Amino acid sequence: MKTEDSFSSKWRNYNKTYHTKKWFDSQKKWFLERFGWKTSSNFNKFLKTRTRILDAGTGIGNSAKLFSSNPKADVFAIDASESVIFAYKKYGNLPNVHFLQADIRKLPFKKNFFDFICSDQVLHHTKDTESSFKILTKLLTKNGIISIYVYKIKGPIREFADNFIRESTVKMTEKQCIEFSKDMAILGKNLSKIKKTIIIPRDIPVLQIKAGTYDIQRFIYWNFLKCWWFGDVPFDQSVATNFDWYFPEYAYRHSPKEVKKWFKDSKLKIIYFNEIESGVSVNGTK
């Protein structure tokens, strides 16, 4: 239960900062970009063709709100953590959204039930990302669409550092890990104050570092150490983002090749594939 408990803790402590209109709008824009919808109009047209939608890992319900635009479609928004309490408080008035606290790997639905399943930034926090994905695919109707986003594996130094640190942080108390996550956010913030760039003249393949000009803080963040900080959001959100990685029992990253194989093995056709620095977004169909 450590992973569920850690996310219950996250949303108890930080739910308000994720329920602002500014945050909802920015995440909606990021979602549409990552999954290839580009505009709300395109996505809403797609949603009008759906009847049963599974939001597999709704968090505090912003995604469920996004999926609810078609009043004729039922949205089942599930999460294993207590986040559904805060999601219901915010969006419980939506008549076609149904919030349930449940484990993705043990859902109370029959096979071939949903014509759209979305699990965004969630599967990598389950016991086994691949098998959790395959469990979801069994719930998908023929010609249904499944959309997933998982963390992408980073370069070797970042992977080593994150995994080494997590050996300690997953054993911390909630309070200890929150304080550590604050320290990482403060480190990121202070690195950003350097206001300098670094030029990498050519690729360094062994370290998986590409040639280019980088902001110092982001260069360290992407290649060496998870010390997330972003000045456009409240400081607590940077703390929560670090906590998101360092405290849960399960937190995995995957290569694009791995993710493609999951779809192939599940006999799903990939209709959209997007790889960015942080992760991999895929739409597939039966």
C-alpha atoms as a PDB file:
ATOM      1  CA  MET A   1       0.000   0.000   0.000  1.00  0.00           C
ATOM      2  CA  LYS A   2       3.034   2.340   0.139  1.00  0.00           C
ATOM      3  CA  THR A   3       2.435   3.793  -3.337  1.00  0.00           C
ATOM      4  CA  GLU A   4      -1.284   4.410  -2.681  1.00  0.00           C
ATOM      5  CA  ASP A   5      -0.418   5.939   0.694  1.00  0.00           C
ATOM      6  CA  SER A   6       2.224   8.198  -0.832  1.00  0.00           C
ATOM      7  CA  PHE A   7      -0.225   9.611  -3.378  1.00  0.00           C
ATOM      8  CA  SER A   8      -2.905   9.992  -0.720  1.00  0.00           C
ATOM      9  CA  SER A   9      -0.320  12.028   1.179  1.00  0.00           C
ATOM     10  CA  LYS A  10       0.548  14.085  -1.900  1.00  0.00           C
ATOM     11  CA  TRP A  11      -3.052  15.060  -2.589  1.00  0.00           C
ATOM     12  CA  ARG A  12      -3.852  15.736   1.080  1.00  0.00           C
ATOM     13  CA  ASN A  13      -0.964  18.181   1.218  1.00  0.00           C
ATOM     14  CA  TYR A  14      -1.084  19.743  -2.240  1.00  0.00           C
ATOM     15  CA  ASN A  15      -4.581  19.327  -3.735  1.00  0.00           C
ATOM     16  CA  LYS A  16      -5.473  23.040  -3.729  1.00  0.00           C
ATOM     17  CA  THR A  17      -2.587  24.132  -5.932  1.00  0.00           C
ATOM     18  CA  TYR A  18      -3.631  21.583  -8.592  1.00  0.00           C
ATOM     19  CA  HIS A  19      -7.252  22.747  -8.714  1.00  0.00           C
ATOM     20  CA  THR A  20      -6.629  26.267 -10.007  1.00  0.00           C
ATOM     21  CA  LYS A  21      -7.960  27.282 -13.426  1.00  0.00           C
ATOM     22  CA  LYS A  22      -4.455  28.271 -14.520  1.00  0.00           C
ATOM     23  CA  TRP A  23      -3.130  24.788 -13.742  1.00  0.00           C
ATOM     24  CA  PHE A  24      -6.105  23.046 -15.359  1.00  0.00           C
ATOM     25  CA  ASP A  25      -5.680  25.070 -18.554  1.00  0.00           C
ATOM     26  CA  SER A  26      -1.913  24.445 -18.738  1.00  0.00           C
ATOM     27  CA  GLN A  27      -2.318  20.705 -18.185  1.00  0.00           C
ATOM     28  CA  LYS A  28      -5.132  20.520 -20.729  1.00  0.00           C
ATOM     29  CA  LYS A  29      -2.868  22.180 -23.310  1.00  0.00           C
ATOM     30  CA  TRP A  30      -0.005  19.786 -22.462  1.00  0.00           C
ATOM     31  CA  PHE A  31      -2.338  16.778 -22.679  1.00  0.00           C
ATOM     32  CA  LEU A  32      -3.658  17.784 -26.118  1.00  0.00           C
ATOM     33  CA  GLU A  33      -0.107  18.349 -27.400  1.00  0.00           C
ATOM     34  CA  ARG A  34       1.290  15.086 -26.029  1.00  0.00           C
ATOM     35  CA  PHE A  35      -1.461  12.892 -27.428  1.00  0.00           C
ATOM     36  CA  GLY A  36      -1.683  14.600 -30.815  1.00  0.00           C
ATOM     37  CA  TRP A  37      -5.137  16.163 -30.470  1.00  0.00           C
ATOM     38  CA  LYS A  38      -3.689  19.682 -30.831  1.00  0.00           C
ATOM     39  CA  THR A  39      -6.979  21.502 -30.124  1.00  0.00           C
ATOM     40  CA  SER A  40      -9.891  21.106 -27.727  1.00  0.00           C
ATOM     41  CA  SER A  41     -12.208  21.045 -30.734  1.00  0.00           C
ATOM     42  CA  ASN A  42     -10.489  17.960 -32.187  1.00  0.00           C
ATOM     43  CA  PHE A  43     -10.561  16.154 -28.866  1.00  0.00           C
ATOM     44  CA  ASN A  44     -14.195  17.021 -28.150  1.00  0.00           C
ATOM     45  CA  LYS A  45     -15.213  15.710 -31.595  1.00  0.00           C
ATOM     46  CA  PHE A  46     -13.513  12.430 -30.693  1.00  0.00           C
ATOM     47  CA  LEU A  47     -15.212  12.311 -27.278  1.00  0.00           C
ATOM     48  CA  LYS A  48     -18.616  12.655 -28.982  1.00  0.00           C
ATOM     49  CA  THR A  49     -17.972   9.238 -30.563  1.00  0.00           C
ATOM     50  CA  ARG A  50     -17.371   7.589 -27.163  1.00  0.00           C
ATOM     51  CA  THR A  51     -19.930   6.114 -24.766  1.00  0.00           C
ATOM     52  CA  ARG A  52     -17.898   4.663 -21.876  1.00  0.00           C
ATOM     53  CA  ILE A  53     -14.624   6.249 -20.813  1.00  0.00           C
ATOM     54  CA  LEU A  54     -12.153   4.984 -18.225  1.00  0.00           C
ATOM     55  CA  ASP A  55      -9.908   7.576 -16.593  1.00  0.00           C
ATOM     56  CA  ALA A  56      -7.417   5.126 -15.090  1.00  0.00           C
ATOM     57  CA  GLY A  57      -5.660   7.151 -12.400  1.00  0.00           C
ATOM     58  CA  THR A  58      -7.665  10.357 -12.188  1.00  0.00           C
ATOM     59  CA  GLY A  59      -5.668  11.990  -9.394  1.00  0.00           C
ATOM     60  CA  ILE A  60      -7.704  14.991  -8.293  1.00  0.00           C
ATOM     61  CA  GLY A  61     -10.103  14.707 -11.210  1.00  0.00           C
ATOM     62  CA  ASN A  62      -8.896  17.290 -13.724  1.00  0.00           C
ATOM     63  CA  SER A  63      -8.650  14.643 -16.436  1.00  0.00           C
ATOM     64  CA  ALA A  64     -12.158  13.395 -15.641  1.00  0.00           C
ATOM     65  CA  LYS A  65     -13.427  16.944 -16.077  1.00  0.00           C
ATOM     66  CA  LEU A  66     -11.649  17.116 -19.448  1.00  0.00           C
ATOM     67  CA  PHE A  67     -13.229  13.822 -20.586  1.00  0.00           C
ATOM     68  CA  SER A  68     -16.750  14.810 -19.492  1.00  0.00           C
ATOM     69  CA  SER A  69     -17.502  17.216 -22.362  1.00  0.00           C
ATOM     70  CA  ASN A  70     -19.794  14.666 -24.039  1.00  0.00           C
ATOM     71  CA  PRO A  71     -22.820  14.494 -21.701  1.00  0.00           C
ATOM     72  CA  LYS A  72     -23.936  11.222 -23.337  1.00  0.00           C
ATOM     73  CA  ALA A  73     -20.742   9.406 -22.343  1.00  0.00           C
ATOM     74  CA  ASP A  74     -20.170   7.968 -18.877  1.00  0.00           C
ATOM     75  CA  VAL A  75     -16.740   8.710 -17.420  1.00  0.00           C
ATOM     76  CA  PHE A  76     -15.503   6.273 -14.777  1.00  0.00           C
ATOM     77  CA  ALA A  77     -12.701   8.088 -12.944  1.00  0.00           C
ATOM     78  CA  ILE A  78     -10.747   5.740 -10.707  1.00  0.00           C
ATOM     79  CA  ASP A  79      -7.739   6.100  -8.450  1.00  0.00           C
ATOM     80  CA  ALA A  80      -6.204   3.847  -5.838  1.00  0.00           C
ATOM     81  CA  SER A  81      -5.423   6.768  -3.530  1.00  0.00           C
ATOM     82  CA  GLU A  82      -7.574   9.118  -1.453  1.00  0.00           C
ATOM     83  CA  SER A  83      -7.303  11.647  -4.279  1.00  0.00           C
ATOM     84  CA  VAL A  84     -10.835  10.655  -5.325  1.00  0.00           C
ATOM     85  CA  ILE A  85     -12.112  12.439  -2.195  1.00  0.00           C
ATOM     86  CA  PHE A  86     -10.686  15.748  -3.424  1.00  0.00           C
ATOM     87  CA  ALA A  87     -11.705  14.961  -7.010  1.00  0.00           C
ATOM     88  CA  TYR A  88     -15.305  14.400  -5.912  1.00  0.00           C
ATOM     89  CA  LYS A  89     -15.352  17.604  -3.857  1.00  0.00           C
ATOM     90  CA  LYS A  90     -14.314  19.562  -6.940  1.00  0.00           C
ATOM     91  CA  TYR A  91     -16.159  17.724  -9.721  1.00  0.00           C
ATOM     92  CA  GLY A  92     -18.787  15.587  -8.004  1.00  0.00           C
ATOM     93  CA  ASN A  93     -21.518  17.767  -9.502  1.00  0.00           C
ATOM     94  CA  LEU A  94     -20.754  16.504 -13.031  1.00  0.00           C
ATOM     95  CA  PRO A  95     -23.659  14.129 -13.788  1.00  0.00           C
ATOM     96  CA  ASN A  96     -21.767  11.856 -16.196  1.00  0.00           C
ATOM     97  CA  VAL A  97     -18.629  11.388 -14.058  1.00  0.00           C
ATOM     98  CA  HIS A  98     -18.423   8.553 -11.546  1.00  0.00           C
ATOM     99  CA  PHE A  99     -15.532   8.570  -9.065  1.00  0.00           C
ATOM    100  CA  LEU A 100     -14.344   5.272  -7.605  1.00  0.00           C
ATOM    101  CA  GLN A 101     -11.420   4.361  -5.370  1.00  0.00           C
ATOM    102  CA  ALA A 102      -9.997   1.206  -6.924  1.00  0.00           C
ATOM    103  CA  ASP A 103      -6.775  -0.494  -7.982  1.00  0.00           C
ATOM    104  CA  ILE A 104      -6.072  -0.371 -11.748  1.00  0.00           C
ATOM    105  CA  ARG A 105      -5.034  -4.021 -11.556  1.00  0.00           C
ATOM    106  CA  LYS A 106      -8.331  -5.109  -9.925  1.00  0.00           C
ATOM    107  CA  LEU A 107     -11.084  -3.104 -11.568  1.00  0.00           C
ATOM    108  CA  PRO A 108     -14.750  -4.129 -11.216  1.00  0.00           C
ATOM    109  CA  PHE A 109     -15.575  -3.993 -14.935  1.00  0.00           C
ATOM    110  CA  LYS A 110     -16.202  -6.721 -17.501  1.00  0.00           C
ATOM    111  CA  LYS A 111     -14.009  -7.204 -20.563  1.00  0.00           C
ATOM    112  CA  ASN A 112     -14.622  -5.058 -23.656  1.00  0.00           C
ATOM    113  CA  PHE A 113     -16.479  -2.450 -21.587  1.00  0.00           C
ATOM    114  CA  PHE A 114     -14.805   0.856 -22.523  1.00  0.00           C
ATOM    115  CA  ASP A 115     -14.398   2.487 -25.933  1.00  0.00           C
ATOM    116  CA  PHE A 116     -11.829   4.968 -24.590  1.00  0.00           C
ATOM    117  CA  ILE A 117      -9.286   4.301 -21.854  1.00  0.00           C
ATOM    118  CA  CYS A 118      -6.743   6.870 -20.744  1.00  0.00           C
ATOM    119  CA  SER A 119      -4.010   6.305 -18.182  1.00  0.00           C
ATOM    120  CA  ASP A 120      -1.885   9.420 -18.115  1.00  0.00           C
ATOM    121  CA  GLN A 121       1.237   9.529 -15.893  1.00  0.00           C
ATOM    122  CA  VAL A 122      -0.007   6.595 -13.803  1.00  0.00           C
ATOM    123  CA  LEU A 123       1.013   3.120 -15.002  1.00  0.00           C
ATOM    124  CA  HIS A 124       4.679   3.609 -14.080  1.00  0.00           C
ATOM    125  CA  HIS A 125       3.559   3.895 -10.449  1.00  0.00           C
ATOM    126  CA  THR A 126       1.908   0.466 -10.405  1.00  0.00           C
ATOM    127  CA  LYS A 127       3.542  -2.796  -9.326  1.00  0.00           C
ATOM    128  CA  ASP A 128       4.406  -3.701 -12.933  1.00  0.00           C
ATOM    129  CA  THR A 129       3.855  -1.177 -15.716  1.00  0.00           C
ATOM    130  CA  GLU A 130       3.605  -3.658 -18.579  1.00  0.00           C
ATOM    131  CA  SER A 131       1.186  -6.074 -16.937  1.00  0.00           C
ATOM    132  CA  SER A 132      -0.961  -3.181 -15.653  1.00  0.00           C
ATOM    133  CA  PHE A 133      -1.202  -1.877 -19.225  1.00  0.00           C
ATOM    134  CA  LYS A 134      -2.202  -5.312 -20.511  1.00  0.00           C
ATOM    135  CA  ILE A 135      -4.886  -5.597 -17.822  1.00  0.00           C
ATOM    136  CA  LEU A 136      -6.390  -2.329 -19.075  1.00  0.00           C
ATOM    137  CA  THR A 137      -6.343  -3.457 -22.706  1.00  0.00           C
ATOM    138  CA  LYS A 138      -8.664  -6.352 -21.834  1.00  0.00           C
ATOM    139  CA  LEU A 139     -11.312  -3.784 -20.869  1.00  0.00           C
ATOM    140  CA  LEU A 140     -11.155  -2.113 -24.291  1.00  0.00           C
ATOM    141  CA  THR A 141     -13.833  -2.681 -26.938  1.00  0.00           C
ATOM    142  CA  LYS A 142     -12.970  -3.631 -30.507  1.00  0.00           C
ATOM    143  CA  ASN A 143     -11.998  -0.390 -32.301  1.00  0.00           C
ATOM    144  CA  GLY A 144     -11.701   1.310 -28.910  1.00  0.00           C
ATOM    145  CA  ILE A 145      -8.836   3.714 -28.206  1.00  0.00           C
ATOM    146  CA  ILE A 146      -6.337   3.461 -25.341  1.00  0.00           C
ATOM    147  CA  SER A 147      -4.016   6.343 -24.502  1.00  0.00           C
ATOM    148  CA  ILE A 148      -1.099   6.040 -22.096  1.00  0.00           C
ATOM    149  CA  TYR A 149       1.812   8.181 -20.968  1.00  0.00           C
ATOM    150  CA  VAL A 150       4.755   6.730 -19.042  1.00  0.00           C
ATOM    151  CA  TYR A 151       8.068   8.160 -17.879  1.00  0.00           C
ATOM    152  CA  LYS A 152      10.876   7.744 -20.392  1.00  0.00           C
ATOM    153  CA  ILE A 153      14.156   6.222 -19.255  1.00  0.00           C
ATOM    154  CA  LYS A 154      16.867   8.855 -18.804  1.00  0.00           C
ATOM    155  CA  GLY A 155      20.623   8.839 -19.348  1.00  0.00           C
ATOM    156  CA  PRO A 156      22.807   6.556 -17.197  1.00  0.00           C
ATOM    157  CA  ILE A 157      23.985   9.149 -14.656  1.00  0.00           C
ATOM    158  CA  ARG A 158      20.479  10.448 -13.970  1.00  0.00           C
ATOM    159  CA  GLU A 159      19.147   6.898 -13.691  1.00  0.00           C
ATOM    160  CA  PHE A 160      21.905   5.890 -11.292  1.00  0.00           C
ATOM    161  CA  ALA A 161      21.477   8.971  -9.102  1.00  0.00           C
ATOM    162  CA  ASP A 162      17.682   8.733  -8.941  1.00  0.00           C
ATOM    163  CA  ASN A 163      17.668   5.030  -8.156  1.00  0.00           C
ATOM    164  CA  PHE A 164      20.444   5.397  -5.568  1.00  0.00           C
ATOM    165  CA  ILE A 165      18.584   8.210  -3.796  1.00  0.00           C
ATOM    166  CA  ARG A 166      15.261   6.364  -3.941  1.00  0.00           C
ATOM    167  CA  GLU A 167      16.787   3.496  -1.987  1.00  0.00           C
ATOM    168  CA  SER A 168      16.807   5.916   0.956  1.00  0.00           C
ATOM    169  CA  THR A 169      13.751   8.085   0.284  1.00  0.00           C
ATOM    170  CA  VAL A 170      11.222   5.238  -0.044  1.00  0.00           C
ATOM    171  CA  LYS A 171      12.172   4.247   3.516  1.00  0.00           C
ATOM    172  CA  MET A 172      11.631   7.746   4.892  1.00  0.00           C
ATOM    173  CA  THR A 173       8.557   8.886   6.761  1.00  0.00           C
ATOM    174  CA  GLU A 174       6.142  11.108   4.855  1.00  0.00           C
ATOM    175  CA  LYS A 175       7.412  14.187   6.701  1.00  0.00           C
ATOM    176  CA  GLN A 176      11.061  13.334   6.043  1.00  0.00           C
ATOM    177  CA  CYS A 177      10.464  12.843   2.325  1.00  0.00           C
ATOM    178  CA  ILE A 178       8.495  16.080   2.042  1.00  0.00           C
ATOM    179  CA  GLU A 179      11.445  17.906   3.611  1.00  0.00           C
ATOM    180  CA  PHE A 180      13.861  16.174   1.252  1.00  0.00           C
ATOM    181  CA  SER A 181      11.642  17.069  -1.708  1.00  0.00           C
ATOM    182  CA  LYS A 182      11.710  20.696  -0.531  1.00  0.00           C
ATOM    183  CA  ASP A 183      15.499  20.539  -0.441  1.00  0.00           C
ATOM    184  CA  MET A 184      15.523  19.304  -4.042  1.00  0.00           C
ATOM    185  CA  ALA A 185      13.155  22.094  -5.109  1.00  0.00           C
ATOM    186  CA  ILE A 186      15.317  24.685  -3.336  1.00  0.00           C
ATOM    187  CA  LEU A 187      18.395  23.249  -5.055  1.00  0.00           C
ATOM    188  CA  GLY A 188      16.654  23.528  -8.418  1.00  0.00           C
ATOM    189  CA  LYS A 189      15.521  27.066  -7.667  1.00  0.00           C
ATOM    190  CA  ASN A 190      19.010  28.187  -6.652  1.00  0.00           C
ATOM    191  CA  LEU A 191      20.586  26.551  -9.686  1.00  0.00           C
ATOM    192  CA  SER A 192      18.180  28.522 -11.864  1.00  0.00           C
ATOM    193  CA  LYS A 193      19.443  31.749 -10.288  1.00  0.00           C
ATOM    194  CA  ILE A 194      22.819  31.194 -11.945  1.00  0.00           C
ATOM    195  CA  LYS A 195      21.159  32.378 -15.187  1.00  0.00           C
ATOM    196  CA  LYS A 196      23.871  30.899 -17.347  1.00  0.00           C
ATOM    197  CA  THR A 197      23.812  28.465 -20.220  1.00  0.00           C
ATOM    198  CA  ILE A 198      26.143  25.622 -21.064  1.00  0.00           C
ATOM    199  CA  ILE A 199      27.087  24.673 -24.618  1.00  0.00           C
ATOM    200  CA  ILE A 200      27.616  21.013 -25.497  1.00  0.00           C
ATOM    201  CA  PRO A 201      29.351  21.158 -28.901  1.00  0.00           C
ATOM    202  CA  ARG A 202      28.639  17.568 -29.920  1.00  0.00           C
ATOM    203  CA  ASP A 203      26.669  14.541 -28.763  1.00  0.00           C
ATOM    204  CA  ILE A 204      28.049  12.460 -25.893  1.00  0.00           C
ATOM    205  CA  PRO A 205      26.402   9.096 -26.702  1.00  0.00           C
ATOM    206  CA  VAL A 206      27.650   7.184 -23.646  1.00  0.00           C
ATOM    207  CA  LEU A 207      25.944   9.728 -21.376  1.00  0.00           C
ATOM    208  CA  GLN A 208      23.006  10.141 -23.766  1.00  0.00           C
ATOM    209  CA  ILE A 209      23.577  13.899 -23.822  1.00  0.00           C
ATOM    210  CA  LYS A 210      22.808  15.649 -27.087  1.00  0.00           C
ATOM    211  CA  ALA A 211      24.672  18.638 -28.490  1.00  0.00           C
ATOM    212  CA  GLY A 212      23.015  21.969 -27.798  1.00  0.00           C
ATOM    213  CA  THR A 213      22.743  24.983 -25.533  1.00  0.00           C
ATOM    214  CA  TYR A 214      21.198  24.339 -22.133  1.00  0.00           C
ATOM    215  CA  ASP A 215      20.019  26.269 -19.125  1.00  0.00           C
ATOM    216  CA  ILE A 216      22.213  25.141 -16.189  1.00  0.00           C
ATOM    217  CA  GLN A 217      19.342  24.027 -13.976  1.00  0.00           C
ATOM    218  CA  ARG A 218      17.598  22.083 -16.728  1.00  0.00           C
ATOM    219  CA  PHE A 219      20.872  20.523 -17.887  1.00  0.00           C
ATOM    220  CA  ILE A 220      21.516  19.162 -14.404  1.00  0.00           C
ATOM    221  CA  TYR A 221      17.869  18.147 -13.986  1.00  0.00           C
ATOM    222  CA  TRP A 222      17.585  16.174 -17.214  1.00  0.00           C
ATOM    223  CA  ASN A 223      21.009  14.527 -17.083  1.00  0.00           C
ATOM    224  CA  PHE A 224      22.177  14.196 -13.491  1.00  0.00           C
ATOM    225  CA  LEU A 225      19.662  14.677 -10.680  1.00  0.00           C
ATOM    226  CA  LYS A 226      15.915  15.085 -10.164  1.00  0.00           C
ATOM    227  CA  CYS A 227      15.801  18.522  -8.551  1.00  0.00           C
ATOM    228  CA  TRP A 228      12.653  19.849 -10.166  1.00  0.00           C
ATOM    229  CA  TRP A 229      11.746  23.508  -9.859  1.00  0.00           C
ATOM    230  CA  PHE A 230       9.626  25.613 -12.170  1.00  0.00           C
ATOM    231  CA  GLY A 231       9.062  29.297 -11.552  1.00  0.00           C
ATOM    232  CA  ASP A 232       5.675  29.482 -13.275  1.00  0.00           C
ATOM    233  CA  VAL A 233       3.930  27.358 -10.637  1.00  0.00           C
ATOM    234  CA  PRO A 234       3.638  27.701  -6.837  1.00  0.00           C
ATOM    235  CA  PHE A 235       6.685  26.411  -4.941  1.00  0.00           C
ATOM    236  CA  ASP A 236       4.562  23.637  -3.368  1.00  0.00           C
ATOM    237  CA  GLN A 237       4.002  22.142  -6.813  1.00  0.00           C
ATOM    238  CA  SER A 238       7.729  21.787  -7.352  1.00  0.00           C
ATOM    239  CA  VAL A 239       7.957  20.050  -3.971  1.00  0.00           C
ATOM    240  CA  ALA A 240       5.062  17.749  -4.920  1.00  0.00           C
ATOM    241  CA  THR A 241       6.694  16.879  -8.260  1.00  0.00           C
ATOM    242  CA  ASN A 242       9.881  15.776  -6.498  1.00  0.00           C
ATOM    243  CA  PHE A 243       7.847  13.905  -3.865  1.00  0.00           C
ATOM    244  CA  ASP A 244       6.014  12.164  -6.741  1.00  0.00           C
ATOM    245  CA  TRP A 245       9.226  10.396  -7.706  1.00  0.00           C
ATOM    246  CA  TYR A 246      11.087   9.963  -4.441  1.00  0.00           C
ATOM    247  CA  PHE A 247       8.403   8.606  -2.090  1.00  0.00           C
ATOM    248  CA  PRO A 248       6.226   6.010  -3.929  1.00  0.00           C
ATOM    249  CA  GLU A 249       7.268   2.378  -3.610  1.00  0.00           C
ATOM    250  CA  TYR A 250       6.828   1.944  -7.366  1.00  0.00           C
ATOM    251  CA  ALA A 251       8.287   4.437  -9.834  1.00  0.00           C
ATOM    252  CA  TYR A 252       9.625   3.150 -13.144  1.00  0.00           C
ATOM    253  CA  ARG A 253      10.859   4.527 -16.466  1.00  0.00           C
ATOM    254  CA  HIS A 254      10.685   2.834 -19.848  1.00  0.00           C
ATOM    255  CA  SER A 255      12.255   3.050 -23.286  1.00  0.00           C
ATOM    256  CA  PRO A 256      10.164   3.880 -26.374  1.00  0.00           C
ATOM    257  CA  LYS A 257      11.093   0.439 -27.726  1.00  0.00           C
ATOM    258  CA  GLU A 258       9.609  -1.234 -24.637  1.00  0.00           C
ATOM    259  CA  VAL A 259       6.359   0.688 -24.934  1.00  0.00           C
ATOM    260  CA  LYS A 260       5.968  -0.151 -28.620  1.00  0.00           C
ATOM    261  CA  LYS A 261       6.435  -3.845 -27.777  1.00  0.00           C
ATOM    262  CA  TRP A 262       3.609  -3.700 -25.206  1.00  0.00           C
ATOM    263  CA  PHE A 263       1.209  -2.566 -27.920  1.00  0.00           C
ATOM    264  CA  LYS A 264       2.456  -5.154 -30.394  1.00  0.00           C
ATOM    265  CA  ASP A 265       2.189  -7.958 -27.835  1.00  0.00           C
ATOM    266  CA  SER A 266      -1.357  -6.850 -27.005  1.00  0.00           C
ATOM    267  CA  LYS A 267      -2.280  -6.862 -30.718  1.00  0.00           C
ATOM    268  CA  LEU A 268      -2.995  -3.143 -30.653  1.00  0.00           C
ATOM    269  CA  LYS A 269      -2.276  -0.843 -33.571  1.00  0.00           C
ATOM    270  CA  ILE A 270      -0.390   2.339 -32.650  1.00  0.00           C
ATOM    271  CA  ILE A 271      -2.136   5.296 -34.265  1.00  0.00           C
ATOM    272  CA  TYR A 272      -0.103   8.042 -32.581  1.00  0.00           C
ATOM    273  CA  PHE A 273       3.316   7.918 -30.916  1.00  0.00           C
ATOM    274  CA  ASN A 274       5.054  10.862 -29.270  1.00  0.00           C
ATOM    275  CA  GLU A 275       8.393  10.801 -27.475  1.00  0.00           C
ATOM    276  CA  ILE A 276       9.461  13.839 -25.452  1.00  0.00           C
ATOM    277  CA  GLU A 277      12.217  14.316 -22.908  1.00  0.00           C
ATOM    278  CA  SER A 278      10.058  13.409 -19.937  1.00  0.00           C
ATOM    279  CA  GLY A 279       8.030  10.535 -21.317  1.00  0.00           C
ATOM    280  CA  VAL A 280       6.249   8.591 -24.030  1.00  0.00           C
ATOM    281  CA  SER A 281       2.619   9.201 -25.116  1.00  0.00           C
ATOM    282  CA  VAL A 282       0.804   6.622 -27.233  1.00  0.00           C
ATOM    283  CA  ASN A 283      -2.678   6.186 -28.690  1.00  0.00           C
ATOM    284  CA  GLY A 284      -3.530   2.678 -29.816  1.00  0.00           C
ATOM    285  CA  THR A 285      -6.584   0.794 -31.032  1.00  0.00           C
ATOM    286  CA  LYS A 286      -7.847  -2.803 -31.077  1.00  0.00           C
END
